Amino acid sequence: MMSVNDLLKQKYYQLQHLSCNIQQAYKKYIVNIQQICLYNTNTIITSMTIKNVIKLVIKLVMKLKVRRGYEFEVKQKVQGYIVQEGFQ
């Protein structure tokens, strides 16, 4: 049986890994946007790109699947942020 400290360390490393995945995906996403803009000079990066990045973060958080209730909370909070900031 794992101690509380071991469980906390395990969750900490999982979150660190998730953070790294999010950063890599975000960088890859931005590079893709820059490449698209190079080919189409009329493309304007709008708040829609932020919405897509947020969707990407939701997908990565869902992959971690800490627990089902947490997934729903994260999705609700991010959707609330999207509505609040007017990105929809």
PDB file of N, CA and C in Angstrom:
ATOM      1  N   MET A   1       0.844  -1.191   0.000  1.00  0.00           N
ATOM      2  CA  MET A   1       0.000   0.000   0.000  1.00  0.00           C
ATOM      3  C   MET A   1       0.885   1.249   0.000  1.00  0.00           C
ATOM      4  N   MET A   2       0.514   2.207  -0.833  1.00  0.00           N
ATOM      5  CA  MET A   2       1.323   3.426  -0.960  1.00  0.00           C
ATOM      6  C   MET A   2       0.977   4.421   0.142  1.00  0.00           C
ATOM      7  N   SER A   3       1.990   5.144   0.594  1.00  0.00           N
ATOM      8  CA  SER A   3       1.752   6.178   1.593  1.00  0.00           C
ATOM      9  C   SER A   3       1.180   7.418   0.914  1.00  0.00           C
ATOM     10  N   VAL A   4       0.697   8.323   1.719  1.00  0.00           N
ATOM     11  CA  VAL A   4       0.139   9.571   1.187  1.00  0.00           C
ATOM     12  C   VAL A   4       1.212  10.346   0.430  1.00  0.00           C
ATOM     13  N   ASN A   5       2.424  10.365   0.985  1.00  0.00           N
ATOM     14  CA  ASN A   5       3.524  11.070   0.313  1.00  0.00           C
ATOM     15  C   ASN A   5       3.820  10.474  -1.052  1.00  0.00           C
ATOM     16  N   ASP A   6       3.811   9.133  -1.126  1.00  0.00           N
ATOM     17  CA  ASP A   6       4.059   8.471  -2.411  1.00  0.00           C
ATOM     18  C   ASP A   6       2.977   8.808  -3.422  1.00  0.00           C
ATOM     19  N   LEU A   7       1.724   8.816  -2.959  1.00  0.00           N
ATOM     20  CA  LEU A   7       0.614   9.169  -3.855  1.00  0.00           C
ATOM     21  C   LEU A   7       0.742  10.606  -4.349  1.00  0.00           C
ATOM     22  N   LEU A   8       1.097  11.505  -3.430  1.00  0.00           N
ATOM     23  CA  LEU A   8       1.264  12.911  -3.814  1.00  0.00           C
ATOM     24  C   LEU A   8       2.401  13.071  -4.819  1.00  0.00           C
ATOM     25  N   LYS A   9       3.507  12.364  -4.581  1.00  0.00           N
ATOM     26  CA  LYS A   9       4.632  12.419  -5.524  1.00  0.00           C
ATOM     27  C   LYS A   9       4.212  11.899  -6.895  1.00  0.00           C
ATOM     28  N   GLN A  10       3.463  10.796  -6.888  1.00  0.00           N
ATOM     29  CA  GLN A  10       3.006  10.209  -8.151  1.00  0.00           C
ATOM     30  C   GLN A  10       2.128  11.203  -8.917  1.00  0.00           C
ATOM     31  N   LYS A  11       1.183  11.836  -8.217  1.00  0.00           N
ATOM     32  CA  LYS A  11       0.304  12.822  -8.866  1.00  0.00           C
ATOM     33  C   LYS A  11       1.112  14.025  -9.348  1.00  0.00           C
ATOM     34  N   TYR A  12       2.104  14.431  -8.549  1.00  0.00           N
ATOM     35  CA  TYR A  12       2.951  15.558  -8.935  1.00  0.00           C
ATOM     36  C   TYR A  12       3.674  15.257 -10.247  1.00  0.00           C
ATOM     37  N   TYR A  13       4.246  14.054 -10.366  1.00  0.00           N
ATOM     38  CA  TYR A  13       4.960  13.682 -11.592  1.00  0.00           C
ATOM     39  C   TYR A  13       4.007  13.550 -12.775  1.00  0.00           C
ATOM     40  N   GLN A  14       2.787  13.053 -12.519  1.00  0.00           N
ATOM     41  CA  GLN A  14       1.789  12.969 -13.594  1.00  0.00           C
ATOM     42  C   GLN A  14       1.443  14.369 -14.100  1.00  0.00           C
ATOM     43  N   LEU A  15       1.269  15.305 -13.175  1.00  0.00           N
ATOM     44  CA  LEU A  15       0.931  16.672 -13.567  1.00  0.00           C
ATOM     45  C   LEU A  15       2.100  17.348 -14.279  1.00  0.00           C
ATOM     46  N   GLN A  16       3.322  17.061 -13.841  1.00  0.00           N
ATOM     47  CA  GLN A  16       4.500  17.597 -14.526  1.00  0.00           C
ATOM     48  C   GLN A  16       4.552  17.093 -15.963  1.00  0.00           C
ATOM     49  N   HIS A  17       4.279  15.801 -16.138  1.00  0.00           N
ATOM     50  CA  HIS A  17       4.271  15.191 -17.469  1.00  0.00           C
ATOM     51  C   HIS A  17       3.171  15.821 -18.319  1.00  0.00           C
ATOM     52  N   LEU A  18       1.999  16.037 -17.722  1.00  0.00           N
ATOM     53  CA  LEU A  18       0.885  16.671 -18.432  1.00  0.00           C
ATOM     54  C   LEU A  18       1.269  18.076 -18.865  1.00  0.00           C
ATOM     55  N   SER A  19       1.904  18.821 -17.968  1.00  0.00           N
ATOM     56  CA  SER A  19       2.331  20.183 -18.281  1.00  0.00           C
ATOM     57  C   SER A  19       3.293  20.189 -19.461  1.00  0.00           C
ATOM     58  N   CYS A  20       4.224  19.248 -19.465  1.00  0.00           N
ATOM     59  CA  CYS A  20       5.190  19.138 -20.559  1.00  0.00           C
ATOM     60  C   CYS A  20       4.465  18.821 -21.868  1.00  0.00           C
ATOM     61  N   ASN A  21       3.495  17.901 -21.822  1.00  0.00           N
ATOM     62  CA  ASN A  21       2.719  17.547 -23.013  1.00  0.00           C
ATOM     63  C   ASN A  21       1.949  18.746 -23.543  1.00  0.00           C
ATOM     64  N   ILE A  22       1.363  19.525 -22.632  1.00  0.00           N
ATOM     65  CA  ILE A  22       0.594  20.707 -23.041  1.00  0.00           C
ATOM     66  C   ILE A  22       1.521  21.717 -23.710  1.00  0.00           C
ATOM     67  N   GLN A  23       2.698  21.946 -23.124  1.00  0.00           N
ATOM     68  CA  GLN A  23       3.643  22.897 -23.707  1.00  0.00           C
ATOM     69  C   GLN A  23       4.085  22.452 -25.095  1.00  0.00           C
ATOM     70  N   GLN A  24       4.377  21.170 -25.251  1.00  0.00           N
ATOM     71  CA  GLN A  24       4.806  20.660 -26.554  1.00  0.00           C
ATOM     72  C   GLN A  24       3.689  20.782 -27.579  1.00  0.00           C
ATOM     73  N   ALA A  25       2.476  20.421 -27.179  1.00  0.00           N
ATOM     74  CA  ALA A  25       1.342  20.495 -28.100  1.00  0.00           C
ATOM     75  C   ALA A  25       1.069  21.951 -28.479  1.00  0.00           C
ATOM     76  N   TYR A  26       1.182  22.859 -27.495  1.00  0.00           N
ATOM     77  CA  TYR A  26       0.937  24.276 -27.759  1.00  0.00           C
ATOM     78  C   TYR A  26       1.971  24.816 -28.747  1.00  0.00           C
ATOM     79  N   LYS A  27       3.245  24.465 -28.527  1.00  0.00           N
ATOM     80  CA  LYS A  27       4.306  24.918 -29.441  1.00  0.00           C
ATOM     81  C   LYS A  27       4.064  24.386 -30.847  1.00  0.00           C
ATOM     82  N   LYS A  28       3.700  23.108 -30.937  1.00  0.00           N
ATOM     83  CA  LYS A  28       3.427  22.493 -32.240  1.00  0.00           C
ATOM     84  C   LYS A  28       2.245  23.193 -32.909  1.00  0.00           C
ATOM     85  N   TYR A  29       1.224  23.515 -32.115  1.00  0.00           N
ATOM     86  CA  TYR A  29       0.030  24.188 -32.628  1.00  0.00           C
ATOM     87  C   TYR A  29       0.389  25.567 -33.177  1.00  0.00           C
ATOM     88  N   ILE A  30       1.182  26.330 -32.419  1.00  0.00           N
ATOM     89  CA  ILE A  30       1.586  27.675 -32.851  1.00  0.00           C
ATOM     90  C   ILE A  30       2.421  27.592 -34.127  1.00  0.00           C
ATOM     91  N   VAL A  31       3.331  26.625 -34.212  1.00  0.00           N
ATOM     92  CA  VAL A  31       4.140  26.455 -35.422  1.00  0.00           C
ATOM     93  C   VAL A  31       3.233  26.181 -36.615  1.00  0.00           C
ATOM     94  N   ASN A  32       2.217  25.335 -36.426  1.00  0.00           N
ATOM     95  CA  ASN A  32       1.272  25.046 -37.510  1.00  0.00           C
ATOM     96  C   ASN A  32       0.541  26.306 -37.957  1.00  0.00           C
ATOM     97  N   ILE A  33       0.119  27.131 -36.998  1.00  0.00           N
ATOM     98  CA  ILE A  33      -0.571  28.386 -37.340  1.00  0.00           C
ATOM     99  C   ILE A  33       0.371  29.293 -38.128  1.00  0.00           C
ATOM    100  N   GLN A  34       1.630  29.386 -37.685  1.00  0.00           N
ATOM    101  CA  GLN A  34       2.591  30.247 -38.376  1.00  0.00           C
ATOM    102  C   GLN A  34       2.819  29.768 -39.808  1.00  0.00           C
ATOM    103  N   GLN A  35       2.889  28.461 -40.007  1.00  0.00           N
ATOM    104  CA  GLN A  35       3.078  27.922 -41.352  1.00  0.00           C
ATOM    105  C   GLN A  35       1.876  28.235 -42.237  1.00  0.00           C
ATOM    106  N   ILE A  36       0.676  28.095 -41.681  1.00  0.00           N
ATOM    107  CA  ILE A  36      -0.537  28.409 -42.450  1.00  0.00           C
ATOM    108  C   ILE A  36      -0.525  29.881 -42.847  1.00  0.00           C
ATOM    109  N   CYS A  37      -0.130  30.746 -41.911  1.00  0.00           N
ATOM    110  CA  CYS A  37      -0.116  32.189 -42.187  1.00  0.00           C
ATOM    111  C   CYS A  37       0.933  32.551 -43.231  1.00  0.00           C
ATOM    112  N   LEU A  38       2.031  31.812 -43.267  1.00  0.00           N
ATOM    113  CA  LEU A  38       3.044  32.070 -44.286  1.00  0.00           C
ATOM    114  C   LEU A  38       2.478  31.822 -45.678  1.00  0.00           C
ATOM    115  N   TYR A  39       1.647  30.787 -45.810  1.00  0.00           N
ATOM    116  CA  TYR A  39       1.087  30.447 -47.115  1.00  0.00           C
ATOM    117  C   TYR A  39      -0.115  31.310 -47.473  1.00  0.00           C
ATOM    118  N   ASN A  40      -0.793  31.837 -46.486  1.00  0.00           N
ATOM    119  CA  ASN A  40      -1.969  32.664 -46.753  1.00  0.00           C
ATOM    120  C   ASN A  40      -1.818  33.978 -45.997  1.00  0.00           C
ATOM    121  N   THR A  41      -1.354  35.010 -46.685  1.00  0.00           N
ATOM    122  CA  THR A  41      -1.049  36.283 -46.018  1.00  0.00           C
ATOM    123  C   THR A  41      -2.296  36.990 -45.518  1.00  0.00           C
ATOM    124  N   ASN A  42      -3.455  36.593 -46.003  1.00  0.00           N
ATOM    125  CA  ASN A  42      -4.697  37.223 -45.541  1.00  0.00           C
ATOM    126  C   ASN A  42      -5.222  36.613 -44.248  1.00  0.00           C
ATOM    127  N   THR A  43      -4.582  35.542 -43.793  1.00  0.00           N
ATOM    128  CA  THR A  43      -5.036  34.888 -42.564  1.00  0.00           C
ATOM    129  C   THR A  43      -4.706  35.768 -41.362  1.00  0.00           C
ATOM    130  N   ILE A  44      -5.714  35.998 -40.546  1.00  0.00           N
ATOM    131  CA  ILE A  44      -5.510  36.776 -39.318  1.00  0.00           C
ATOM    132  C   ILE A  44      -5.720  35.832 -38.139  1.00  0.00           C
ATOM    133  N   ILE A  45      -4.748  35.811 -37.240  1.00  0.00           N
ATOM    134  CA  ILE A  45      -4.892  34.957 -36.055  1.00  0.00           C
ATOM    135  C   ILE A  45      -5.834  35.671 -35.085  1.00  0.00           C
ATOM    136  N   THR A  46      -6.998  35.071 -34.882  1.00  0.00           N
ATOM    137  CA  THR A  46      -8.015  35.675 -34.015  1.00  0.00           C
ATOM    138  C   THR A  46      -8.136  34.887 -32.722  1.00  0.00           C
ATOM    139  N   SER A  47      -9.114  35.274 -31.918  1.00  0.00           N
ATOM    140  CA  SER A  47      -9.344  34.581 -30.649  1.00  0.00           C
ATOM    141  C   SER A  47      -9.779  33.136 -30.863  1.00  0.00           C
ATOM    142  N   MET A  48     -10.192  32.784 -32.077  1.00  0.00           N
ATOM    143  CA  MET A  48     -10.559  31.394 -32.354  1.00  0.00           C
ATOM    144  C   MET A  48      -9.366  30.465 -32.112  1.00  0.00           C
ATOM    145  N   THR A  49      -8.164  30.955 -32.367  1.00  0.00           N
ATOM    146  CA  THR A  49      -6.990  30.111 -32.126  1.00  0.00           C
ATOM    147  C   THR A  49      -6.852  29.822 -30.633  1.00  0.00           C
ATOM    148  N   ILE A  50      -7.173  30.795 -29.801  1.00  0.00           N
ATOM    149  CA  ILE A  50      -7.113  30.592 -28.349  1.00  0.00           C
ATOM    150  C   ILE A  50      -8.121  29.519 -27.953  1.00  0.00           C
ATOM    151  N   LYS A  51      -9.319  29.591 -28.553  1.00  0.00           N
ATOM    152  CA  LYS A  51     -10.348  28.591 -28.255  1.00  0.00           C
ATOM    153  C   LYS A  51      -9.854  27.194 -28.627  1.00  0.00           C
ATOM    154  N   ASN A  52      -9.187  27.078 -29.764  1.00  0.00           N
ATOM    155  CA  ASN A  52      -8.671  25.778 -30.198  1.00  0.00           C
ATOM    156  C   ASN A  52      -7.575  25.271 -29.265  1.00  0.00           C
ATOM    157  N   VAL A  53      -6.728  26.185 -28.770  1.00  0.00           N
ATOM    158  CA  VAL A  53      -5.688  25.788 -27.812  1.00  0.00           C
ATOM    159  C   VAL A  53      -6.343  25.282 -26.531  1.00  0.00           C
ATOM    160  N   ILE A  54      -7.396  25.967 -26.088  1.00  0.00           N
ATOM    161  CA  ILE A  54      -8.103  25.540 -24.878  1.00  0.00           C
ATOM    162  C   ILE A  54      -8.713  24.149 -25.087  1.00  0.00           C
ATOM    163  N   LYS A  55      -9.278  23.918 -26.276  1.00  0.00           N
ATOM    164  CA  LYS A  55      -9.823  22.582 -26.576  1.00  0.00           C
ATOM    165  C   LYS A  55      -8.721  21.525 -26.499  1.00  0.00           C
ATOM    166  N   LEU A  56      -7.551  21.874 -26.996  1.00  0.00           N
ATOM    167  CA  LEU A  56      -6.416  20.957 -26.963  1.00  0.00           C
ATOM    168  C   LEU A  56      -6.033  20.629 -25.522  1.00  0.00           C
ATOM    169  N   VAL A  57      -6.021  21.645 -24.668  1.00  0.00           N
ATOM    170  CA  VAL A  57      -5.707  21.443 -23.248  1.00  0.00           C
ATOM    171  C   VAL A  57      -6.736  20.512 -22.615  1.00  0.00           C
ATOM    172  N   ILE A  58      -8.025  20.717 -22.951  1.00  0.00           N
ATOM    173  CA  ILE A  58      -9.076  19.850 -22.409  1.00  0.00           C
ATOM    174  C   ILE A  58      -8.806  18.402 -22.800  1.00  0.00           C
ATOM    175  N   LYS A  59      -8.459  18.182 -24.072  1.00  0.00           N
ATOM    176  CA  LYS A  59      -8.193  16.816 -24.536  1.00  0.00           C
ATOM    177  C   LYS A  59      -7.034  16.185 -23.767  1.00  0.00           C
ATOM    178  N   LEU A  60      -5.972  16.964 -23.535  1.00  0.00           N
ATOM    179  CA  LEU A  60      -4.822  16.424 -22.806  1.00  0.00           C
ATOM    180  C   LEU A  60      -5.172  16.117 -21.356  1.00  0.00           C
ATOM    181  N   VAL A  61      -5.983  16.990 -20.739  1.00  0.00           N
ATOM    182  CA  VAL A  61      -6.401  16.744 -19.355  1.00  0.00           C
ATOM    183  C   VAL A  61      -7.265  15.489 -19.296  1.00  0.00           C
ATOM    184  N   MET A  62      -8.131  15.322 -20.290  1.00  0.00           N
ATOM    185  CA  MET A  62      -8.991  14.136 -20.316  1.00  0.00           C
ATOM    186  C   MET A  62      -8.157  12.858 -20.441  1.00  0.00           C
ATOM    187  N   LYS A  63      -7.027  12.939 -21.149  1.00  0.00           N
ATOM    188  CA  LYS A  63      -6.166  11.763 -21.292  1.00  0.00           C
ATOM    189  C   LYS A  63      -5.586  11.338 -19.946  1.00  0.00           C
ATOM    190  N   LEU A  64      -5.315  12.302 -19.088  1.00  0.00           N
ATOM    191  CA  LEU A  64      -4.752  11.977 -17.780  1.00  0.00           C
ATOM    192  C   LEU A  64      -5.761  11.210 -16.925  1.00  0.00           C
ATOM    193  N   LYS A  65      -7.026  11.574 -17.046  1.00  0.00           N
ATOM    194  CA  LYS A  65      -8.133  10.908 -16.336  1.00  0.00           C
ATOM    195  C   LYS A  65      -7.815  10.688 -14.862  1.00  0.00           C
ATOM    196  N   VAL A  66      -7.640  11.779 -14.153  1.00  0.00           N
ATOM    197  CA  VAL A  66      -7.353  11.676 -12.722  1.00  0.00           C
ATOM    198  C   VAL A  66      -8.531  11.003 -12.022  1.00  0.00           C
ATOM    199  N   ARG A  67      -9.717  11.524 -12.266  1.00  0.00           N
ATOM    200  CA  ARG A  67     -10.961  10.880 -11.833  1.00  0.00           C
ATOM    201  C   ARG A  67     -12.103  11.535 -12.592  1.00  0.00           C
ATOM    202  N   ARG A  68     -13.198  10.837 -12.749  1.00  0.00           N
ATOM    203  CA  ARG A  68     -14.289  11.294 -13.614  1.00  0.00           C
ATOM    204  C   ARG A  68     -14.864  12.648 -13.186  1.00  0.00           C
ATOM    205  N   GLY A  69     -15.050  12.854 -11.900  1.00  0.00           N
ATOM    206  CA  GLY A  69     -15.593  14.128 -11.421  1.00  0.00           C
ATOM    207  C   GLY A  69     -14.678  15.284 -11.780  1.00  0.00           C
ATOM    208  N   TYR A  70     -13.377  15.052 -11.695  1.00  0.00           N
ATOM    209  CA  TYR A  70     -12.392  16.087 -12.003  1.00  0.00           C
ATOM    210  C   TYR A  70     -12.454  16.473 -13.472  1.00  0.00           C
ATOM    211  N   GLU A  71     -12.621  15.482 -14.349  1.00  0.00           N
ATOM    212  CA  GLU A  71     -12.708  15.757 -15.785  1.00  0.00           C
ATOM    213  C   GLU A  71     -13.850  16.726 -16.063  1.00  0.00           C
ATOM    214  N   PHE A  72     -15.004  16.450 -15.451  1.00  0.00           N
ATOM    215  CA  PHE A  72     -16.179  17.289 -15.678  1.00  0.00           C
ATOM    216  C   PHE A  72     -15.926  18.701 -15.163  1.00  0.00           C
ATOM    217  N   GLU A  73     -15.309  18.804 -13.960  1.00  0.00           N
ATOM    218  CA  GLU A  73     -15.005  20.118 -13.384  1.00  0.00           C
ATOM    219  C   GLU A  73     -14.110  20.930 -14.312  1.00  0.00           C
ATOM    220  N   VAL A  74     -13.064  20.304 -14.826  1.00  0.00           N
ATOM    221  CA  VAL A  74     -12.119  21.001 -15.704  1.00  0.00           C
ATOM    222  C   VAL A  74     -12.836  21.498 -16.948  1.00  0.00           C
ATOM    223  N   LYS A  75     -13.634  20.623 -17.552  1.00  0.00           N
ATOM    224  CA  LYS A  75     -14.345  20.987 -18.778  1.00  0.00           C
ATOM    225  C   LYS A  75     -15.291  22.160 -18.516  1.00  0.00           C
ATOM    226  N   GLN A  76     -16.025  22.105 -17.399  1.00  0.00           N
ATOM    227  CA  GLN A  76     -16.966  23.177 -17.063  1.00  0.00           C
ATOM    228  C   GLN A  76     -16.230  24.501 -16.847  1.00  0.00           C
ATOM    229  N   LYS A  77     -15.111  24.464 -16.121  1.00  0.00           N
ATOM    230  CA  LYS A  77     -14.365  25.692 -15.835  1.00  0.00           C
ATOM    231  C   LYS A  77     -13.814  26.312 -17.107  1.00  0.00           C
ATOM    232  N   VAL A  78     -13.271  25.467 -17.989  1.00  0.00           N
ATOM    233  CA  VAL A  78     -12.698  25.993 -19.229  1.00  0.00           C
ATOM    234  C   VAL A  78     -13.792  26.534 -20.132  1.00  0.00           C
ATOM    235  N   GLN A  79     -14.929  25.839 -20.209  1.00  0.00           N
ATOM    236  CA  GLN A  79     -16.040  26.337 -21.016  1.00  0.00           C
ATOM    237  C   GLN A  79     -16.547  27.664 -20.456  1.00  0.00           C
ATOM    238  N   GLY A  80     -16.583  27.771 -19.125  1.00  0.00           N
ATOM    239  CA  GLY A  80     -16.982  29.027 -18.493  1.00  0.00           C
ATOM    240  C   GLY A  80     -16.021  30.148 -18.853  1.00  0.00           C
ATOM    241  N   TYR A  81     -14.730  29.840 -18.896  1.00  0.00           N
ATOM    242  CA  TYR A  81     -13.718  30.827 -19.266  1.00  0.00           C
ATOM    243  C   TYR A  81     -13.910  31.279 -20.710  1.00  0.00           C
ATOM    244  N   ILE A  82     -14.196  30.309 -21.593  1.00  0.00           N
ATOM    245  CA  ILE A  82     -14.401  30.642 -23.008  1.00  0.00           C
ATOM    246  C   ILE A  82     -15.568  31.612 -23.150  1.00  0.00           C
ATOM    247  N   VAL A  83     -16.673  31.321 -22.469  1.00  0.00           N
ATOM    248  CA  VAL A  83     -17.856  32.182 -22.547  1.00  0.00           C
ATOM    249  C   VAL A  83     -17.561  33.543 -21.929  1.00  0.00           C
ATOM    250  N   GLN A  84     -16.906  33.534 -20.766  1.00  0.00           N
ATOM    251  CA  GLN A  84     -16.598  34.778 -20.049  1.00  0.00           C
ATOM    252  C   GLN A  84     -15.723  35.707 -20.887  1.00  0.00           C
ATOM    253  N   GLU A  85     -14.720  35.145 -21.546  1.00  0.00           N
ATOM    254  CA  GLU A  85     -13.795  35.953 -22.337  1.00  0.00           C
ATOM    255  C   GLU A  85     -14.323  36.251 -23.734  1.00  0.00           C
ATOM    256  N   GLY A  86     -15.445  35.650 -24.094  1.00  0.00           N
ATOM    257  CA  GLY A  86     -16.049  35.925 -25.396  1.00  0.00           C
ATOM    258  C   GLY A  86     -15.326  35.280 -26.556  1.00  0.00           C
ATOM    259  N   PHE A  87     -14.723  34.111 -26.326  1.00  0.00           N
ATOM    260  CA  PHE A  87     -13.991  33.434 -27.395  1.00  0.00           C
ATOM    261  C   PHE A  87     -14.893  32.573 -28.264  1.00  0.00           C
ATOM    262  N   GLN A  88     -16.172  32.448 -27.870  1.00  0.00           N
ATOM    263  CA  GLN A  88     -17.046  31.561 -28.635  1.00  0.00           C
ATOM    264  C   GLN A  88     -17.693  32.275 -29.784  1.00  0.00           C
TER     265      GLN A  88
END
